[in-house]
Protein backbone atom coordinates (compact mmCIF):
# COMPACT_ATOMS: atom_id res chain seq x y z
CA UNK A 1 -0.02 0.03 -0.20
CA UNK A 2 1.21 3.18 -0.71
CA UNK A 3 0.80 5.95 2.18
CA UNK A 4 0.96 8.83 -0.21
CA UNK A 5 -1.77 7.62 -2.56
CA UNK A 6 -4.09 8.40 0.69
CA UNK A 7 -2.42 11.91 1.68
CA UNK A 8 -4.34 14.87 2.18
CA UNK A 9 -1.66 17.31 3.38
CA UNK A 10 -1.95 20.41 1.06
CA UNK A 11 1.98 20.62 0.52
CA UNK A 12 2.48 16.83 -0.80
CA UNK A 13 3.32 17.48 -4.54
CA UNK A 14 3.51 13.82 -5.54
CA UNK A 15 1.28 13.02 -7.93
CA UNK A 16 -0.29 9.76 -6.51
CA UNK A 17 -1.81 12.50 -3.81
CA UNK A 18 -4.38 13.74 -6.42
CA UNK A 19 -6.70 11.02 -5.60
CA UNK A 20 -10.32 12.31 -5.19
CA UNK A 21 -12.17 11.68 -1.79
CA UNK A 22 -14.40 9.02 -1.87
CA UNK A 23 -18.13 9.67 -1.75
CA UNK A 24 -20.04 7.64 1.27
CA UNK A 25 -23.12 5.44 0.56
CA UNK A 26 -25.88 6.93 -0.59
CA UNK A 27 -29.46 6.11 0.69
CA UNK A 28 -28.30 3.72 3.57
CA UNK A 29 -28.28 6.19 6.35
CA UNK A 30 -30.57 6.55 9.33
CA UNK A 31 -31.24 9.80 10.56
CA UNK A 32 -29.67 9.99 14.17
CA UNK A 33 -29.58 12.96 16.83
CA UNK A 34 -26.17 14.62 16.60
CA UNK A 35 -26.33 15.65 19.85
CA UNK A 36 -26.23 11.83 21.24
CA UNK A 37 -22.83 11.47 19.68
CA UNK A 38 -20.60 12.30 22.75
CA UNK A 39 -17.09 13.44 21.76
CA UNK A 40 -14.01 12.05 23.66
CA UNK A 41 -11.74 14.48 25.92
CA UNK A 42 -9.51 16.12 23.78
CA UNK A 43 -11.60 15.97 20.92
CA UNK A 44 -10.24 12.64 19.68
CA UNK A 45 -13.33 11.94 17.26
CA UNK A 46 -14.06 14.28 15.12
CA UNK A 47 -18.00 14.49 13.45
CA UNK A 48 -19.07 15.60 10.44
CA UNK A 49 -22.27 16.65 8.13
CA UNK A 50 -24.14 13.79 6.31
CA UNK A 51 -23.64 15.94 3.31
CA UNK A 52 -19.75 15.94 3.86
CA UNK A 53 -18.00 13.23 1.94
CA UNK A 54 -15.71 10.93 4.13
CA UNK A 55 -12.15 11.82 3.36
CA UNK A 56 -9.43 8.53 3.19
CA UNK A 57 -7.74 7.03 6.38
CA UNK A 58 -4.31 6.85 5.76
CA UNK A 59 -2.44 3.86 7.46
CA UNK A 60 -0.44 5.16 10.38
CA UNK A 61 3.05 5.43 10.28
CA UNK A 62 5.13 3.06 12.38
CA UNK A 63 5.12 4.09 15.69
CA UNK A 64 1.83 5.76 15.95
CA UNK A 65 -1.12 4.07 17.32
CA UNK A 66 -3.77 2.84 15.13
CA UNK A 67 -7.04 4.89 15.71
CA UNK A 68 -9.93 2.36 16.10
CA UNK A 69 -13.78 2.63 16.37
CA UNK A 70 -15.91 -0.56 17.36
CA UNK A 71 -19.19 -1.16 15.98
CA UNK A 72 -21.52 -3.87 18.04
CA UNK A 73 -20.10 -4.52 21.85
CA UNK A 74 -22.03 -7.69 22.61
CA UNK A 75 -20.19 -10.64 23.92
CA UNK A 76 -17.79 -10.94 21.51
CA UNK A 77 -17.50 -7.45 20.55
CA UNK A 78 -16.35 -6.78 24.15
CA UNK A 79 -13.65 -9.34 24.23
CA UNK A 80 -12.24 -7.87 21.02
CA UNK A 81 -12.67 -4.39 22.62
CA UNK A 82 -10.70 -5.75 25.69
CA UNK A 83 -8.14 -7.35 23.43
CA UNK A 84 -7.18 -4.22 21.38
CA UNK A 85 -7.21 -2.18 24.58
CA UNK A 86 -4.58 -4.20 25.90
CA UNK A 87 -2.37 -3.54 23.01
CA UNK A 88 0.29 -0.34 23.13
CA UNK A 89 -0.08 0.50 19.40
CA UNK A 90 -3.91 0.96 19.64
CA UNK A 91 -6.09 3.92 20.75
CA UNK A 92 -9.68 3.50 20.85
CA UNK A 93 -11.54 6.49 19.53
CA UNK A 94 -15.53 5.46 19.23
CA UNK A 95 -17.91 2.84 20.05
CA UNK A 96 -21.25 2.06 18.55
CA UNK A 97 -23.77 0.20 19.74
CA UNK A 98 -27.55 0.08 19.82
CA UNK A 99 -27.95 -1.09 23.29
CA UNK A 100 -27.40 1.76 25.71
CA UNK A 101 -26.45 -0.24 28.75
CA UNK A 102 -23.79 -2.16 26.60
CA UNK A 103 -22.35 1.31 25.26
CA UNK A 104 -22.14 2.53 28.64
CA UNK A 105 -20.03 -0.61 30.05
CA UNK A 106 -18.00 -0.47 27.18
CA UNK A 107 -17.10 3.18 27.62
CA UNK A 108 -16.17 2.93 30.98
CA UNK A 109 -14.05 -0.06 30.24
CA UNK A 110 -12.20 2.20 27.43
CA UNK A 111 -12.33 5.14 30.33
CA UNK A 112 -10.36 2.94 32.64
CA UNK A 113 -7.88 1.65 29.95
CA UNK A 114 -7.29 4.91 28.33
CA UNK A 115 -7.90 7.60 30.75
CA UNK A 116 -10.55 9.36 28.57
CA UNK A 117 -13.95 8.84 27.44
CA UNK A 118 -14.34 7.65 23.67
CA UNK A 119 -17.42 9.04 21.68
CA UNK A 120 -20.32 7.01 21.74
CA UNK A 121 -23.23 6.63 19.26
CA UNK A 122 -25.77 4.30 18.20
CA UNK A 123 -25.37 5.09 14.39
CA UNK A 124 -22.37 3.30 13.06
CA UNK A 125 -22.09 6.27 10.61
CA UNK A 126 -20.90 8.44 13.04
CA UNK A 127 -18.09 6.02 13.50
CA UNK A 128 -17.21 5.85 9.78
CA UNK A 129 -17.62 9.56 9.55
CA UNK A 130 -14.83 10.20 11.41
CA UNK A 131 -11.84 11.14 9.85
CA UNK A 132 -9.35 10.41 12.45
CA UNK A 133 -10.48 6.63 12.84
CA UNK A 134 -8.58 4.44 10.61
CA UNK A 135 -9.92 0.73 11.15
CA UNK A 136 -13.27 -0.34 12.74
CA UNK A 137 -14.13 -3.74 14.33
CA UNK A 138 -17.51 -4.95 13.51
CA UNK A 139 -18.93 -7.50 15.74
CA UNK A 140 -22.92 -6.90 15.16
CA UNK A 141 -25.30 -9.89 14.86
CA UNK A 142 -24.72 -11.65 11.40
CA UNK A 143 -27.06 -9.91 9.58
CA UNK A 144 -25.39 -6.66 10.08
CA UNK A 145 -21.84 -8.00 9.11
CA UNK A 146 -22.04 -7.36 5.60
CA UNK A 147 -23.76 -4.12 5.19
CA UNK A 148 -21.54 -2.58 7.96
CA UNK A 149 -18.30 -3.91 5.92
CA UNK A 150 -19.05 -2.52 2.84
CA UNK A 151 -19.99 0.64 4.43
CA UNK A 152 -16.74 0.96 5.99
CA UNK A 153 -14.83 -0.14 2.86
CA UNK A 154 -16.77 2.89 1.34
CA UNK A 155 -15.83 5.04 4.02
CA UNK A 156 -12.09 3.91 3.69
CA UNK A 157 -11.52 2.28 7.00
CA UNK A 158 -9.82 -1.03 7.24
CA UNK A 159 -11.79 -3.48 9.07
CA UNK A 160 -11.92 -6.41 11.31
CA UNK A 161 -15.15 -8.20 10.77
CA UNK A 162 -16.39 -11.17 12.85
CA UNK A 163 -17.40 -14.38 11.72
CA UNK A 164 -19.55 -15.37 9.41
CA UNK A 165 -18.85 -12.17 7.53
CA UNK A 166 -22.42 -12.74 5.81
CA UNK A 167 -25.70 -14.05 5.99
CA UNK A 168 -25.88 -14.67 2.75
CA UNK A 169 -23.59 -15.61 -0.46
CA UNK A 170 -24.53 -12.72 -2.50
CA UNK A 171 -23.73 -10.08 0.00
CA UNK A 172 -20.50 -11.77 1.19
CA UNK A 173 -19.43 -11.56 -2.58
CA UNK A 174 -20.36 -7.75 -2.64
CA UNK A 175 -17.66 -7.32 0.81
CA UNK A 176 -14.77 -8.85 -1.32
CA UNK A 177 -15.74 -6.69 -4.16
CA UNK A 178 -15.96 -3.43 -1.78
CA UNK A 179 -12.50 -4.45 -0.02
CA UNK A 180 -10.83 -4.73 -3.36
CA UNK A 181 -12.18 -1.40 -4.72
CA UNK A 182 -11.48 0.78 -1.76
CA UNK A 183 -8.17 -1.23 -1.25
CA UNK A 184 -9.10 -1.73 2.33
CA UNK A 185 -7.43 -4.54 4.62
CA UNK A 186 -10.42 -6.67 5.79
CA UNK A 187 -9.82 -9.40 8.37
CA UNK A 188 -12.37 -11.73 8.90
CA UNK A 189 -12.86 -13.06 12.42
CA UNK A 190 -11.38 -16.46 12.00
CA UNK A 191 -8.52 -16.70 14.28
CA UNK A 192 -7.17 -20.55 13.44
CA UNK A 193 -5.25 -18.85 10.42
CA UNK A 194 -3.01 -16.76 12.54
CA UNK A 195 -2.08 -19.75 14.71
CA UNK A 196 1.30 -21.16 14.20
CA UNK A 197 0.41 -24.66 15.05
CA UNK A 198 -2.23 -24.58 12.16
CA UNK A 199 0.29 -23.38 9.84
CA UNK A 200 2.71 -26.46 10.71
CA UNK A 201 -0.58 -28.63 9.91
CA UNK A 202 -0.91 -27.15 6.41
CA UNK A 203 2.78 -27.42 5.82
CA UNK A 204 2.52 -31.23 6.91
CA UNK A 205 -0.65 -31.88 4.56
CA UNK A 206 0.69 -30.08 1.82
CA UNK A 207 4.30 -31.74 1.78
CA UNK A 208 2.60 -34.56 1.13
CA UNK A 209 3.61 -36.33 4.45
CA UNK A 210 0.00 -37.59 4.92
CA UNK A 211 -0.08 -38.70 1.44
CA UNK A 212 -2.73 -38.05 -1.04
CA UNK A 213 -6.01 -36.74 0.80
CA UNK A 214 -8.95 -38.96 0.05
CA UNK A 215 -11.40 -37.72 2.37
CA UNK A 216 -12.00 -34.76 5.15
CA UNK A 217 -14.79 -35.12 7.98
CA UNK A 218 -15.93 -31.56 9.92
CA UNK A 219 -17.65 -31.93 13.02
CA UNK A 220 -19.60 -29.41 15.15
CA UNK A 221 -21.22 -30.88 18.15
CA UNK A 222 -22.32 -29.27 21.31
CA UNK A 223 -25.64 -29.05 23.31
CA UNK A 224 -28.18 -26.24 22.24
CA UNK A 225 -31.39 -25.90 24.43
CA UNK A 226 -34.79 -25.93 23.04
CA UNK A 227 -36.78 -22.72 22.51
CA UNK A 228 -40.27 -21.82 23.08
CA UNK A 229 -42.34 -19.30 21.17
CA UNK A 230 -43.21 -15.74 22.05
CA UNK A 231 -45.46 -13.20 20.88
CA UNK A 232 -44.30 -9.81 19.38
CA UNK A 233 -43.93 -7.12 22.05
CA UNK A 234 -42.54 -3.73 22.70
CA UNK A 235 -38.84 -3.60 22.69
CA UNK A 236 -36.97 -2.68 25.43
CA UNK A 237 -36.60 1.03 26.39
CA UNK A 238 -32.75 0.63 26.25
CA UNK A 239 -32.38 -0.79 22.81
CA UNK A 240 -33.02 1.18 19.50
CA UNK A 241 -34.68 -1.85 17.92
CA UNK A 242 -35.05 -0.45 14.25
CA UNK A 243 -31.32 -0.27 14.16
CA UNK A 244 -30.85 -3.57 15.52
CA UNK A 245 -33.40 -5.19 12.87
CA UNK A 246 -31.49 -3.08 10.16
CA UNK A 247 -31.78 -4.53 6.67
CA UNK A 248 -34.34 -7.40 7.93
CA UNK A 249 -37.62 -6.90 6.50
CA UNK A 250 -39.40 -8.29 9.15
CA UNK A 251 -39.91 -5.43 11.79
CA UNK A 252 -41.89 -6.16 14.78
CA UNK A 253 -39.97 -6.77 17.73
CA UNK A 254 -39.65 -10.55 19.64
CA UNK A 255 -37.84 -11.44 22.52
CA UNK A 256 -37.12 -14.80 21.38
CA UNK A 257 -35.77 -13.41 17.85
CA UNK A 258 -33.46 -10.62 19.51
CA UNK A 259 -32.00 -12.79 22.35
CA UNK A 260 -31.93 -16.07 20.02
CA UNK A 261 -31.41 -14.35 16.86
CA UNK A 262 -28.54 -17.05 15.72
CA UNK A 263 -31.47 -19.92 15.20
CA UNK A 264 -33.45 -17.73 12.93
CA UNK A 265 -32.72 -17.39 9.13
CA UNK A 266 -33.48 -12.96 9.01
CA UNK A 267 -30.42 -12.85 11.50
CA UNK A 268 -28.19 -15.87 11.41
CA UNK A 269 -27.94 -19.62 9.89
CA UNK A 270 -27.90 -21.57 13.47
CA UNK A 271 -24.58 -23.54 14.58
CA UNK A 272 -23.67 -24.00 11.08
CA UNK A 273 -22.66 -20.49 10.59
CA UNK A 274 -21.94 -19.71 14.29
CA UNK A 275 -19.62 -22.34 15.47
CA UNK A 276 -19.21 -24.46 12.25
CA UNK A 277 -17.75 -22.19 9.98
CA UNK A 278 -14.45 -22.03 12.21
CA UNK A 279 -13.84 -25.91 11.56
CA UNK A 280 -14.81 -25.45 7.98
CA UNK A 281 -12.50 -22.47 7.43
CA UNK A 282 -9.55 -24.08 9.13
CA UNK A 283 -10.12 -27.22 7.29
CA UNK A 284 -9.86 -25.27 3.85
CA UNK A 285 -6.61 -23.48 5.12
CA UNK A 286 -5.07 -26.77 5.81
CA UNK A 287 -6.00 -28.61 2.68
CA UNK A 288 -5.62 -25.63 0.15
CA UNK A 289 -9.06 -25.46 -0.64
CA UNK A 290 -9.55 -22.33 -2.86
CA UNK A 291 -13.02 -22.20 -4.39
CA UNK A 292 -16.63 -23.25 -3.87
CA UNK A 293 -17.36 -26.93 -4.03
CA UNK A 294 -19.08 -28.68 -7.14
CA UNK A 295 -22.32 -29.77 -5.37
CA UNK A 296 -23.70 -29.74 -1.69
CA UNK A 297 -25.99 -32.36 -0.21
CA UNK A 298 -27.26 -31.57 3.18
CA UNK A 299 -29.51 -34.02 5.45
CA UNK A 300 -30.66 -32.25 8.02
CA UNK A 301 -33.60 -32.12 10.43
CA UNK A 302 -34.89 -30.44 13.93
CA UNK A 303 -35.35 -33.50 16.32
CA UNK A 304 -36.44 -31.75 19.02
CA UNK A 305 -39.69 -29.22 19.34
CA UNK A 306 -38.74 -26.15 19.08
CA UNK A 307 -39.37 -22.20 18.03
CA UNK A 308 -36.04 -22.40 16.03
CA UNK A 309 -35.85 -22.35 12.18
CA UNK A 310 -32.11 -23.59 11.90
CA UNK A 311 -31.50 -27.36 12.22
CA UNK A 312 -30.12 -29.14 15.01
CA UNK A 313 -28.97 -32.20 13.12
CA UNK A 314 -26.70 -31.76 9.80
CA UNK A 315 -24.73 -33.99 7.65
CA UNK A 316 -23.64 -31.99 4.64
CA UNK A 317 -21.37 -33.19 1.96
CA UNK A 318 -19.50 -31.00 -0.05
CA UNK A 319 -18.04 -32.37 -3.63
CA UNK A 320 -14.49 -30.78 -4.50
CA UNK A 321 -12.36 -31.89 -7.54
CA UNK A 322 -9.88 -33.60 -5.15
CA UNK A 323 -12.17 -35.45 -2.55
CA UNK A 324 -15.21 -34.87 -0.69
CA UNK A 325 -15.48 -33.33 2.42
CA UNK A 326 -18.45 -33.69 4.97
CA UNK A 327 -19.92 -31.52 7.90
CA UNK A 328 -21.56 -33.33 11.07
CA UNK A 329 -23.34 -31.48 13.25
CA UNK A 330 -25.38 -32.68 16.53
CA UNK A 331 -26.74 -30.41 19.23
CA UNK A 332 -27.87 -33.11 21.67
CA UNK A 333 -24.84 -34.58 22.59
CA UNK A 334 -23.79 -33.49 26.35
CA UNK A 335 -21.04 -35.95 26.42
CA UNK A 336 -19.22 -34.53 23.35
CA UNK A 337 -16.92 -31.59 24.39
CA UNK A 338 -15.37 -28.38 23.14
CA UNK A 339 -11.82 -28.28 23.76
CA UNK A 340 -11.49 -26.73 27.45
CA UNK A 341 -8.96 -23.66 28.25
CA UNK A 342 -6.70 -25.91 29.73
CA UNK A 343 -5.84 -27.85 26.32
CA UNK A 344 -6.31 -24.42 24.61
CA UNK A 345 -3.47 -23.13 26.68
CA UNK A 346 -1.61 -26.02 27.37
CA UNK A 347 0.67 -28.92 26.14
CA UNK A 348 -2.31 -31.09 26.01
CA UNK A 349 -4.51 -33.08 23.47
CA UNK A 350 -8.28 -33.47 23.28
CA UNK A 351 -9.60 -36.66 23.74
CA UNK A 352 -10.65 -36.74 19.92
CA UNK A 353 -13.33 -39.39 19.68
CA UNK A 354 -15.19 -36.78 22.14
CA UNK A 355 -13.98 -33.36 20.87
CA UNK A 356 -17.06 -31.26 19.67
CA UNK A 357 -14.88 -29.41 16.95
CA UNK A 358 -12.52 -32.03 15.34
CA UNK A 359 -11.54 -32.32 12.04
CA UNK A 360 -10.33 -35.50 10.84
CA UNK A 361 -8.16 -35.76 7.27
CA UNK A 362 -8.07 -39.17 5.98
CA UNK A 363 -4.73 -39.37 3.81
CA UNK A 364 -3.26 -42.73 1.93
CA UNK A 365 -0.29 -42.35 4.70
CA UNK A 366 -2.07 -41.55 7.93
CA UNK A 367 -4.91 -39.66 9.29
CA UNK A 368 -4.71 -36.21 11.08
CA UNK A 369 -6.81 -35.19 14.02
CA UNK A 370 -6.75 -31.47 14.20
CA UNK A 371 -8.64 -29.26 16.77
CA UNK A 372 -9.59 -25.45 16.49
CA UNK A 373 -8.38 -22.50 18.65
CA UNK A 374 -5.59 -24.14 20.61
CA UNK A 375 -6.68 -27.92 20.15
CA UNK A 376 -3.31 -28.86 18.37
CA UNK A 377 -2.79 -31.75 15.99
CA UNK A 378 -1.77 -35.32 15.35
CA UNK A 379 -1.18 -38.03 12.83
CA UNK A 380 -1.71 -41.83 13.54
CA UNK A 381 -0.54 -44.26 11.07
CA UNK A 382 -1.29 -48.08 11.34
CA UNK A 383 -1.67 -49.14 15.20
CA UNK A 384 0.96 -51.67 16.26
CA UNK A 385 0.02 -54.32 18.48
CA UNK A 386 -3.47 -52.87 19.12
CA UNK A 387 -1.64 -49.62 20.31
CA UNK A 388 -2.02 -46.26 18.43
CA UNK A 389 1.17 -44.99 16.56
CA UNK A 390 1.53 -41.13 16.49
CA UNK A 391 4.09 -40.05 13.92
CA UNK A 392 3.72 -36.33 14.39
CA UNK A 393 2.32 -34.06 16.33
CA UNK A 394 2.09 -30.27 17.57
CA UNK A 395 0.68 -29.12 20.80
CA UNK A 396 -1.66 -25.63 19.92
CA UNK A 397 -2.52 -22.07 21.66
CA UNK A 398 -5.65 -20.03 21.23
CA UNK A 399 -4.42 -17.60 18.56
CA UNK A 400 -6.68 -14.66 19.54
CA UNK A 401 -3.48 -12.52 20.18
CA UNK A 402 -1.80 -13.24 17.08
CA UNK A 403 -4.73 -12.96 15.13
CA UNK A 404 -4.90 -9.08 16.35
CA UNK A 405 -1.03 -8.74 15.90
CA UNK A 406 -1.71 -9.78 12.30
CA UNK A 407 -4.62 -7.10 11.56
CA UNK A 408 -2.55 -4.34 12.83
CA UNK A 409 0.56 -5.44 11.16
CA UNK A 410 -1.10 -5.95 7.78
CA UNK A 411 -2.68 -2.43 8.04
CA UNK A 412 0.90 -0.99 8.55
CA UNK A 413 2.76 -3.20 6.05
CA UNK A 414 -0.12 -2.99 3.63
CA UNK A 415 -0.44 -6.34 2.71
CA UNK A 416 -3.67 -8.83 3.10
CA UNK A 417 -3.88 -10.66 6.33
CA UNK A 418 -3.91 -14.16 7.22
CA UNK A 419 -7.60 -14.30 7.11
CA UNK A 420 -8.47 -12.10 4.58
CA UNK A 421 -11.95 -11.32 3.59
CA UNK A 422 -11.71 -13.67 0.00
CA UNK A 423 -11.14 -16.71 2.77
CA UNK A 424 -14.11 -15.49 4.99
CA UNK A 425 -16.35 -15.14 1.97
CA UNK A 426 -15.95 -18.51 0.79
CA UNK A 427 -15.97 -20.58 4.03
CA UNK A 428 -19.33 -18.54 5.02
CA UNK A 429 -20.44 -19.29 1.58
CA UNK A 430 -20.23 -23.21 2.53
CA UNK A 431 -22.34 -22.58 5.77
CA UNK A 432 -24.97 -20.82 3.44
CA UNK A 433 -24.99 -23.56 0.83
CA UNK A 434 -25.50 -26.32 3.34
CA UNK A 435 -28.29 -24.30 4.87
CA UNK A 436 -30.10 -23.52 1.64
CA UNK A 437 -29.70 -27.17 0.70
CA UNK A 438 -31.64 -28.06 3.94
CA UNK A 439 -34.40 -25.31 3.55
CA UNK A 440 -35.09 -26.61 0.16
CA UNK A 441 -35.90 -30.17 1.12
CA UNK A 442 -32.20 -31.59 1.50
CA UNK A 443 -31.89 -31.48 -2.37
CA UNK A 444 -28.77 -32.07 -3.97
CA UNK A 445 -27.52 -28.50 -5.36
CA UNK A 446 -25.04 -28.28 -8.14
CA UNK A 447 -23.05 -25.29 -7.95
CA UNK A 448 -21.12 -22.93 -10.69
CA UNK A 449 -18.08 -22.15 -8.39
CA UNK A 450 -17.27 -19.17 -10.90
CA UNK A 451 -20.53 -17.50 -10.87
CA UNK A 452 -21.72 -18.65 -7.14
CA UNK A 453 -24.88 -19.82 -8.12
CA UNK A 454 -26.62 -22.99 -8.34
CA UNK A 455 -27.43 -24.94 -11.24
CA UNK A 456 -31.05 -25.08 -12.52
CA UNK A 457 -32.74 -24.45 -9.36
CA UNK A 458 -34.49 -21.49 -9.07
CA UNK A 459 -35.94 -21.98 -5.54
CA UNK A 460 -32.29 -22.28 -4.18
CA UNK A 461 -30.77 -19.37 -6.20
CA UNK A 462 -33.58 -17.38 -4.36
CA UNK A 463 -31.77 -18.01 -1.01
CA UNK A 464 -28.68 -16.96 -2.31
CA UNK A 465 -29.50 -13.55 -1.28
CA UNK A 466 -32.13 -11.16 0.53
CA UNK A 467 -34.12 -7.89 -0.23
CA UNK A 468 -33.02 -5.46 1.98
CA UNK A 469 -35.24 -2.92 4.21
CA UNK A 470 -34.66 0.93 3.56
CA UNK A 471 -32.60 2.86 4.51
CA UNK A 472 -30.16 -0.35 5.48
CA UNK A 473 -29.12 -1.46 2.10
CA UNK A 474 -26.11 -2.22 0.25
CA UNK A 475 -26.11 0.17 -3.21
CA UNK A 476 -25.90 -1.46 -6.53
CA UNK A 477 -22.81 0.48 -7.53
CA UNK A 478 -20.45 0.38 -4.92
């Protein structure tokens, strides 16, 4: 990245500094009360009129603190905020959340860490319109990930966007297009791509030591309770429901849908996209998968009586040129456990047979068991005297700090991050395609990986995108 391509200093005479300011997206901004946008002590956040073009945020020179804004401050957003606050090369300028209590608690956290108040707002465009902010973290519910990321690209911010990066295939592609057009660093929140032990697993497989890969099985097993129905009602006083609901066309507030949004198609894709995307993405990284499959077939069901729309039991088969990959999910198995912190942060391996998030890669020379988020990996060959034979292994660590480091360094060095948005889009698309197969009656879908469409199936193709509610839209022309 050429820093002078973004320079706004009037004294700069270099020809590449003549790039015009980018225009903010039209028709996708709700009105807000500007007095609600509280300025940080010392004027850290600048506020501009909706009619003023957003200037390009320059990459910070080495040694300067990266000025950041945060959009979405729930569980994951709060964790990311704490992690970046702990870095001495980042400075939090502004916070955005549509729930006033969350916003207040996050403000207090920043005040304690930095000794001053950040700007606070319920409108993400206030953050995007602040010229001092160079990067934003997007940790909203899933249905906001892609629209917010596109808006942020158009505002010339670098972006860390949580997984899955989209709630449908088409909008995921739009984020990739926006990142490339505006030349932004866009990191998807799939930390496995920044874990050294996963890089070693990838090198082991791609060196041929496992032999020719013949099958990959990806698991997502946990226990999720059932949901009872709830009537539509008035939203809580502390919540700006219209902004939370955003692009979703179903506008009535419902406490069940708000609190368990992951299990309703308008807002999420169930546990397939919530947790499953991590394992699918890691499998793709280790195996070197860079495109969508040729076909997808999902056998899925809801085995328990529940108000949830998404399935609890799923077996999806992805057909790639080299080998098939399966994704297997169960949500009623309390004896199957996710990797615990002791394993994630210690020299231990999970008990693979009952590990909830394992990946099994079968080669002609052995089988690799691989864990996400610090589970490590082991390769087993043929047993001897009925005892397992481990031919290679690597302990793991939870790579959250490494992922943040990679994001910051990608901005400073002008390179793409480990978990570039193209990777995030493809892995999210795998989840969406698996869900689409389920939603059209467990039908076998034939995919055109180049156009990212489904061949000869109008019903399934219709689920590749959604119609947004005004004014929360993504413009047709970026």
